[in-house]
Structures are given as structure tokens and as C-alpha cells.
Amino acid sequence: MAAGIPFVVVSARGLKDPDEIFQEKGAEFLQETVERTISFPDFLLDYLAETGNLGEL
């Protein structure tokens, strides 16, 4: 965040890109998906735990 732009990660495991989600499941499901956010540190820790790469921190 060196540029001062805050961001979050959309929690969409197993889902496709936004257009495919919209086409297959509709606008309401896409909106619900976009509202499920997690912080980048939480995402990173979850990812590393799942891949077994916790030693790389």
C-alpha cells in the first residue's frame, strides 16, 4: 500500500472470473460474492497454510 490505495481480497474460492460468475449465477450472486472480502494478510496466511508454504513467510 505504498501508494496509499486500500484494498481487500474477494473470497471466491473455486469460482471463476466475475463475468463467468455473472453469466452462470446472475447479478445477485455476483454481488454477494463481491461483498465477501478478507484482508490481504488473512488471504496470504490462508493461502500459505493451504499450500504448505508457511516456512516462506
PDB file of N, CA and C in Angstrom:
ATOM      1  N   MET A   1       0.809  -1.188   0.000  1.00  0.00           N
ATOM      2  CA  MET A   1       0.000   0.000   0.000  1.00  0.00           C
ATOM      3  C   MET A   1       0.860   1.262   0.000  1.00  0.00           C
ATOM      4  N   ALA A   2       1.980   1.196  -0.648  1.00  0.00           N
ATOM      5  CA  ALA A   2       2.860   2.353  -0.699  1.00  0.00           C
ATOM      6  C   ALA A   2       2.180   3.547  -1.364  1.00  0.00           C
ATOM      7  N   ALA A   3       1.250   3.298  -2.269  1.00  0.00           N
ATOM      8  CA  ALA A   3       0.557   4.382  -2.954  1.00  0.00           C
ATOM      9  C   ALA A   3      -0.629   4.903  -2.138  1.00  0.00           C
ATOM     10  N   GLY A   4      -0.886   4.284  -0.996  1.00  0.00           N
ATOM     11  CA  GLY A   4      -1.989   4.728  -0.160  1.00  0.00           C
ATOM     12  C   GLY A   4      -3.355   4.299  -0.660  1.00  0.00           C
ATOM     13  N   ILE A   5      -3.389   3.270  -1.472  1.00  0.00           N
ATOM     14  CA  ILE A   5      -4.653   2.781  -2.013  1.00  0.00           C
ATOM     15  C   ILE A   5      -5.054   1.523  -1.238  1.00  0.00           C
ATOM     16  N   PRO A   6      -6.096   1.614  -0.410  1.00  0.00           N
ATOM     17  CA  PRO A   6      -6.515   0.436   0.347  1.00  0.00           C
ATOM     18  C   PRO A   6      -7.194  -0.588  -0.570  1.00  0.00           C
ATOM     19  N   PHE A   7      -7.055  -1.852  -0.225  1.00  0.00           N
ATOM     20  CA  PHE A   7      -7.718  -2.893  -1.000  1.00  0.00           C
ATOM     21  C   PHE A   7      -8.032  -4.077  -0.108  1.00  0.00           C
ATOM     22  N   VAL A   8      -8.938  -4.898  -0.563  1.00  0.00           N
ATOM     23  CA  VAL A   8      -9.284  -6.149   0.107  1.00  0.00           C
ATOM     24  C   VAL A   8      -9.315  -7.239  -0.957  1.00  0.00           C
ATOM     25  N   VAL A   9      -9.362  -8.465  -0.507  1.00  0.00           N
ATOM     26  CA  VAL A   9      -9.411  -9.609  -1.410  1.00  0.00           C
ATOM     27  C   VAL A   9     -10.821 -10.185  -1.354  1.00  0.00           C
ATOM     28  N   VAL A  10     -11.391 -10.447  -2.518  1.00  0.00           N
ATOM     29  CA  VAL A  10     -12.709 -11.074  -2.572  1.00  0.00           C
ATOM     30  C   VAL A  10     -12.524 -12.564  -2.340  1.00  0.00           C
ATOM     31  N   SER A  11     -13.262 -13.097  -1.387  1.00  0.00           N
ATOM     32  CA  SER A  11     -13.179 -14.515  -1.063  1.00  0.00           C
ATOM     33  C   SER A  11     -14.088 -15.285  -2.010  1.00  0.00           C
ATOM     34  N   ALA A  12     -13.501 -15.837  -3.070  1.00  0.00           N
ATOM     35  CA  ALA A  12     -14.291 -16.526  -4.095  1.00  0.00           C
ATOM     36  C   ALA A  12     -13.628 -17.840  -4.479  1.00  0.00           C
ATOM     37  N   ARG A  13     -13.262 -18.616  -3.509  1.00  0.00           N
ATOM     38  CA  ARG A  13     -12.590 -19.892  -3.782  1.00  0.00           C
ATOM     39  C   ARG A  13     -13.442 -20.780  -4.670  1.00  0.00           C
ATOM     40  N   GLY A  14     -12.789 -21.344  -5.654  1.00  0.00           N
ATOM     41  CA  GLY A  14     -13.473 -22.267  -6.545  1.00  0.00           C
ATOM     42  C   GLY A  14     -14.353 -21.608  -7.577  1.00  0.00           C
ATOM     43  N   LEU A  15     -14.420 -20.288  -7.555  1.00  0.00           N
ATOM     44  CA  LEU A  15     -15.250 -19.588  -8.526  1.00  0.00           C
ATOM     45  C   LEU A  15     -14.386 -19.056  -9.657  1.00  0.00           C
ATOM     46  N   LYS A  16     -15.028 -18.633 -10.704  1.00  0.00           N
ATOM     47  CA  LYS A  16     -14.339 -18.159 -11.893  1.00  0.00           C
ATOM     48  C   LYS A  16     -14.242 -16.638 -11.863  1.00  0.00           C
ATOM     49  N   ASP A  17     -13.907 -16.052 -13.008  1.00  0.00           N
ATOM     50  CA  ASP A  17     -13.806 -14.597 -13.058  1.00  0.00           C
ATOM     51  C   ASP A  17     -15.211 -13.980 -12.982  1.00  0.00           C
ATOM     52  N   PRO A  18     -15.293 -12.685 -12.677  1.00  0.00           N
ATOM     53  CA  PRO A  18     -16.589 -12.043 -12.460  1.00  0.00           C
ATOM     54  C   PRO A  18     -17.583 -12.214 -13.612  1.00  0.00           C
ATOM     55  N   ASP A  19     -17.130 -12.127 -14.849  1.00  0.00           N
ATOM     56  CA  ASP A  19     -18.058 -12.273 -15.966  1.00  0.00           C
ATOM     57  C   ASP A  19     -18.664 -13.672 -16.002  1.00  0.00           C
ATOM     58  N   GLU A  20     -17.854 -14.685 -15.768  1.00  0.00           N
ATOM     59  CA  GLU A  20     -18.373 -16.053 -15.762  1.00  0.00           C
ATOM     60  C   GLU A  20     -19.338 -16.276 -14.595  1.00  0.00           C
ATOM     61  N   ILE A  21     -19.028 -15.700 -13.445  1.00  0.00           N
ATOM     62  CA  ILE A  21     -19.943 -15.806 -12.306  1.00  0.00           C
ATOM     63  C   ILE A  21     -21.279 -15.158 -12.668  1.00  0.00           C
ATOM     64  N   PHE A  22     -21.219 -13.976 -13.264  1.00  0.00           N
ATOM     65  CA  PHE A  22     -22.437 -13.264 -13.666  1.00  0.00           C
ATOM     66  C   PHE A  22     -23.246 -14.073 -14.674  1.00  0.00           C
ATOM     67  N   GLN A  23     -22.567 -14.607 -15.686  1.00  0.00           N
ATOM     68  CA  GLN A  23     -23.272 -15.355 -16.730  1.00  0.00           C
ATOM     69  C   GLN A  23     -23.900 -16.639 -16.193  1.00  0.00           C
ATOM     70  N   GLU A  24     -23.201 -17.329 -15.289  1.00  0.00           N
ATOM     71  CA  GLU A  24     -23.678 -18.621 -14.796  1.00  0.00           C
ATOM     72  C   GLU A  24     -24.643 -18.511 -13.617  1.00  0.00           C
ATOM     73  N   LYS A  25     -24.427 -17.509 -12.735  1.00  0.00           N
ATOM     74  CA  LYS A  25     -25.199 -17.476 -11.495  1.00  0.00           C
ATOM     75  C   LYS A  25     -26.007 -16.202 -11.292  1.00  0.00           C
ATOM     76  N   GLY A  26     -25.767 -15.195 -12.121  1.00  0.00           N
ATOM     77  CA  GLY A  26     -26.567 -13.976 -12.053  1.00  0.00           C
ATOM     78  C   GLY A  26     -25.946 -12.864 -11.225  1.00  0.00           C
ATOM     79  N   ALA A  27     -26.565 -11.696 -11.358  1.00  0.00           N
ATOM     80  CA  ALA A  27     -26.053 -10.476 -10.737  1.00  0.00           C
ATOM     81  C   ALA A  27     -26.099 -10.535  -9.215  1.00  0.00           C
ATOM     82  N   GLU A  28     -27.163 -11.083  -8.665  1.00  0.00           N
ATOM     83  CA  GLU A  28     -27.291 -11.127  -7.205  1.00  0.00           C
ATOM     84  C   GLU A  28     -26.190 -11.981  -6.575  1.00  0.00           C
ATOM     85  N   PHE A  29     -25.907 -13.129  -7.169  1.00  0.00           N
ATOM     86  CA  PHE A  29     -24.848 -13.994  -6.644  1.00  0.00           C
ATOM     87  C   PHE A  29     -23.496 -13.307  -6.760  1.00  0.00           C
ATOM     88  N   LEU A  30     -23.263 -12.624  -7.877  1.00  0.00           N
ATOM     89  CA  LEU A  30     -22.005 -11.901  -8.057  1.00  0.00           C
ATOM     90  C   LEU A  30     -21.853 -10.823  -6.990  1.00  0.00           C
ATOM     91  N   GLN A  31     -22.920 -10.074  -6.721  1.00  0.00           N
ATOM     92  CA  GLN A  31     -22.867  -9.029  -5.697  1.00  0.00           C
ATOM     93  C   GLN A  31     -22.563  -9.632  -4.333  1.00  0.00           C
ATOM     94  N   GLU A  32     -23.198 -10.737  -3.998  1.00  0.00           N
ATOM     95  CA  GLU A  32     -22.936 -11.409  -2.720  1.00  0.00           C
ATOM     96  C   GLU A  32     -21.488 -11.858  -2.629  1.00  0.00           C
ATOM     97  N   THR A  33     -20.951 -12.348  -3.744  1.00  0.00           N
ATOM     98  CA  THR A  33     -19.557 -12.795  -3.777  1.00  0.00           C
ATOM     99  C   THR A  33     -18.605 -11.626  -3.538  1.00  0.00           C
ATOM    100  N   VAL A  34     -18.866 -10.505  -4.198  1.00  0.00           N
ATOM    101  CA  VAL A  34     -18.007  -9.328  -4.071  1.00  0.00           C
ATOM    102  C   VAL A  34     -18.035  -8.781  -2.647  1.00  0.00           C
ATOM    103  N   GLU A  35     -19.126  -8.977  -1.943  1.00  0.00           N
ATOM    104  CA  GLU A  35     -19.237  -8.472  -0.577  1.00  0.00           C
ATOM    105  C   GLU A  35     -18.509  -9.348   0.444  1.00  0.00           C
ATOM    106  N   ARG A  36     -18.091 -10.558   0.041  1.00  0.00           N
ATOM    107  CA  ARG A  36     -17.329 -11.432   0.942  1.00  0.00           C
ATOM    108  C   ARG A  36     -15.842 -11.110   0.778  1.00  0.00           C
ATOM    109  N   THR A  37     -15.364 -10.189   1.575  1.00  0.00           N
ATOM    110  CA  THR A  37     -13.967  -9.776   1.452  1.00  0.00           C
ATOM    111  C   THR A  37     -13.173 -10.186   2.689  1.00  0.00           C
ATOM    112  N   ILE A  38     -11.874 -10.341   2.472  1.00  0.00           N
ATOM    113  CA  ILE A  38     -10.948 -10.598   3.566  1.00  0.00           C
ATOM    114  C   ILE A  38      -9.735  -9.697   3.359  1.00  0.00           C
ATOM    115  N   SER A  39      -9.014  -9.439   4.418  1.00  0.00           N
ATOM    116  CA  SER A  39      -7.821  -8.590   4.292  1.00  0.00           C
ATOM    117  C   SER A  39      -6.714  -9.361   3.574  1.00  0.00           C
ATOM    118  N   PHE A  40      -5.775  -8.636   3.009  1.00  0.00           N
ATOM    119  CA  PHE A  40      -4.670  -9.300   2.323  1.00  0.00           C
ATOM    120  C   PHE A  40      -3.849 -10.173   3.267  1.00  0.00           C
ATOM    121  N   PRO A  41      -3.527  -9.724   4.484  1.00  0.00           N
ATOM    122  CA  PRO A  41      -2.783 -10.620   5.398  1.00  0.00           C
ATOM    123  C   PRO A  41      -3.541 -11.922   5.687  1.00  0.00           C
ATOM    124  N   ASP A  42      -4.866 -11.837   5.863  1.00  0.00           N
ATOM    125  CA  ASP A  42      -5.647 -13.053   6.087  1.00  0.00           C
ATOM    126  C   ASP A  42      -5.602 -13.959   4.859  1.00  0.00           C
ATOM    127  N   PHE A  43      -5.731 -13.361   3.681  1.00  0.00           N
ATOM    128  CA  PHE A  43      -5.643 -14.130   2.443  1.00  0.00           C
ATOM    129  C   PHE A  43      -4.292 -14.830   2.337  1.00  0.00           C
ATOM    130  N   LEU A  44      -3.233 -14.083   2.602  1.00  0.00           N
ATOM    131  CA  LEU A  44      -1.886 -14.630   2.485  1.00  0.00           C
ATOM    132  C   LEU A  44      -1.665 -15.791   3.454  1.00  0.00           C
ATOM    133  N   LEU A  45      -2.073 -15.628   4.694  1.00  0.00           N
ATOM    134  CA  LEU A  45      -1.912 -16.704   5.667  1.00  0.00           C
ATOM    135  C   LEU A  45      -2.738 -17.926   5.288  1.00  0.00           C
ATOM    136  N   ASP A  46      -3.968 -17.722   4.828  1.00  0.00           N
ATOM    137  CA  ASP A  46      -4.801 -18.843   4.374  1.00  0.00           C
ATOM    138  C   ASP A  46      -4.150 -19.560   3.200  1.00  0.00           C
ATOM    139  N   TYR A  47      -3.664 -18.800   2.242  1.00  0.00           N
ATOM    140  CA  TYR A  47      -3.023 -19.382   1.060  1.00  0.00           C
ATOM    141  C   TYR A  47      -1.794 -20.190   1.442  1.00  0.00           C
ATOM    142  N   LEU A  48      -0.950 -19.610   2.282  1.00  0.00           N
ATOM    143  CA  LEU A  48       0.264 -20.312   2.677  1.00  0.00           C
ATOM    144  C   LEU A  48      -0.055 -21.559   3.498  1.00  0.00           C
ATOM    145  N   ALA A  49      -1.074 -21.502   4.332  1.00  0.00           N
ATOM    146  CA  ALA A  49      -1.470 -22.674   5.111  1.00  0.00           C
ATOM    147  C   ALA A  49      -1.980 -23.787   4.187  1.00  0.00           C
ATOM    148  N   GLU A  50      -2.743 -23.415   3.174  1.00  0.00           N
ATOM    149  CA  GLU A  50      -3.281 -24.400   2.241  1.00  0.00           C
ATOM    150  C   GLU A  50      -2.210 -25.033   1.365  1.00  0.00           C
ATOM    151  N   THR A  51      -1.227 -24.255   0.981  1.00  0.00           N
ATOM    152  CA  THR A  51      -0.187 -24.778   0.108  1.00  0.00           C
ATOM    153  C   THR A  51       0.961 -25.412   0.862  1.00  0.00           C
ATOM    154  N   GLY A  52       0.938 -25.261   2.194  1.00  0.00           N
ATOM    155  CA  GLY A  52       2.006 -25.849   2.995  1.00  0.00           C
ATOM    156  C   GLY A  52       3.294 -25.079   2.962  1.00  0.00           C
ATOM    157  N   ASN A  53       3.245 -23.811   2.574  1.00  0.00           N
ATOM    158  CA  ASN A  53       4.452 -22.993   2.446  1.00  0.00           C
ATOM    159  C   ASN A  53       4.608 -21.988   3.587  1.00  0.00           C
ATOM    160  N   LEU A  54       4.207 -22.380   4.770  1.00  0.00           N
ATOM    161  CA  LEU A  54       4.288 -21.445   5.890  1.00  0.00           C
ATOM    162  C   LEU A  54       5.730 -21.064   6.227  1.00  0.00           C
ATOM    163  N   GLY A  55       6.693 -21.877   5.861  1.00  0.00           N
ATOM    164  CA  GLY A  55       8.085 -21.578   6.120  1.00  0.00           C
ATOM    165  C   GLY A  55       8.619 -20.436   5.270  1.00  0.00           C
ATOM    166  N   GLU A  56       7.875 -20.026   4.256  1.00  0.00           N
ATOM    167  CA  GLU A  56       8.336 -18.969   3.355  1.00  0.00           C
ATOM    168  C   GLU A  56       7.987 -17.573   3.840  1.00  0.00           C
ATOM    169  N   LEU A  57       7.357 -17.453   4.994  1.00  0.00           N
ATOM    170  CA  LEU A  57       6.975 -16.125   5.478  1.00  0.00           C
ATOM    171  C   LEU A  57       8.162 -15.275   5.780  1.00  0.00           C
TER     172      LEU A  57
END
